[in-house]
């Protein structure tokens, strides 16, 4: 799993241990790169979604696609009907 968190939540991400084998690096722009191994994509999907637009899934592509699909479904659910 490879994730990129926005600078606005960098302190929150950096202050916690998210996974026993994590790699966590703060970039020059203040964003935070977090990576770890997991085969629990459904659990990771819901965990990632709680960060909203403050996180981007870089890898794996299958998780990225699931986040995109979930975001589309959420937009449809909350769309205003005319």
Protein backbone atom coordinates (compact mmCIF):
# COMPACT_ATOMS: atom_id res chain seq x y z
CA UNK A 1 0.00 0.00 0.00
CA UNK A 2 1.36 3.44 -0.94
CA UNK A 3 -0.44 6.58 0.16
CA UNK A 4 0.25 10.30 -0.06
CA UNK A 5 -1.26 12.52 2.64
CA UNK A 6 -1.68 16.27 2.31
CA UNK A 7 0.38 18.65 4.43
CA UNK A 8 -2.72 19.73 6.37
CA UNK A 9 -2.83 16.38 8.20
CA UNK A 10 0.90 15.60 8.17
CA UNK A 11 1.32 15.93 11.94
CA UNK A 12 -1.58 13.55 12.57
CA UNK A 13 -0.13 10.95 10.20
CA UNK A 14 3.46 11.29 11.41
CA UNK A 15 2.56 10.98 15.11
CA UNK A 16 1.00 7.54 14.76
CA UNK A 17 2.08 4.03 13.98
CA UNK A 18 -0.36 2.75 11.39
CA UNK A 19 1.30 -0.57 10.62
CA UNK A 20 4.15 -2.56 12.13
CA UNK A 21 6.13 -2.50 8.86
CA UNK A 22 5.30 1.03 7.77
CA UNK A 23 7.59 3.46 5.99
CA UNK A 24 6.62 7.04 6.69
CA UNK A 25 8.43 10.01 5.14
CA UNK A 26 7.63 13.71 5.17
CA UNK A 27 8.30 15.32 1.80
CA UNK A 28 9.73 18.82 1.30
CA UNK A 29 6.25 20.17 0.45
CA UNK A 30 4.93 18.93 3.81
CA UNK A 31 3.01 15.97 2.38
CA UNK A 32 3.58 12.54 3.90
CA UNK A 33 4.30 9.31 2.04
CA UNK A 34 3.15 6.21 3.92
CA UNK A 35 3.67 2.66 2.72
CA UNK A 36 3.15 -0.79 4.18
CA UNK A 37 2.17 -4.28 3.06
CA UNK A 38 -1.35 -5.62 3.49
CA UNK A 39 -3.70 -8.01 1.76
CA UNK A 40 -6.76 -6.57 3.53
CA UNK A 41 -7.91 -4.24 0.74
CA UNK A 42 -11.50 -3.91 1.96
CA UNK A 43 -10.36 -2.83 5.41
CA UNK A 44 -7.75 -0.48 3.93
CA UNK A 45 -10.39 0.98 1.58
CA UNK A 46 -12.62 2.07 4.46
CA UNK A 47 -9.64 3.32 6.47
CA UNK A 48 -8.41 5.42 3.53
CA UNK A 49 -11.89 6.87 2.89
CA UNK A 50 -12.00 8.39 6.36
CA UNK A 51 -9.26 10.82 5.28
CA UNK A 52 -11.34 12.13 2.38
CA UNK A 53 -9.51 14.44 0.02
CA UNK A 54 -6.48 14.57 2.35
CA UNK A 55 -5.10 11.30 0.97
CA UNK A 56 -4.30 9.87 -2.44
CA UNK A 57 -3.81 6.15 -3.06
CA UNK A 58 -0.68 5.72 -5.16
CA UNK A 59 -0.60 1.92 -5.17
CA UNK A 60 -1.88 -0.68 -5.69
CA UNK A 61 -3.97 0.25 -8.73
CA UNK A 62 -6.79 -2.04 -7.56
CA UNK A 63 -7.17 -0.06 -4.31
CA UNK A 64 -6.99 3.22 -6.20
CA UNK A 65 -9.81 2.05 -8.50
CA UNK A 66 -11.93 0.97 -5.53
CA UNK A 67 -11.54 4.40 -3.94
CA UNK A 68 -12.54 6.06 -7.22
CA UNK A 69 -15.60 3.83 -7.54
CA UNK A 70 -16.65 4.47 -3.94
CA UNK A 71 -16.25 8.23 -4.44
CA UNK A 72 -18.46 8.07 -7.55
CA UNK A 73 -21.14 6.15 -5.65
CA UNK A 74 -21.01 8.68 -2.82
CA UNK A 75 -21.41 11.56 -5.26
CA UNK A 76 -24.41 9.86 -6.83
CA UNK A 77 -26.00 9.25 -3.43
CA UNK A 78 -25.66 12.89 -2.39
CA UNK A 79 -26.45 14.48 -5.76
CA UNK A 80 -29.34 16.92 -5.68
CA UNK A 81 -32.24 15.95 -7.93
CA UNK A 82 -33.94 18.61 -10.02
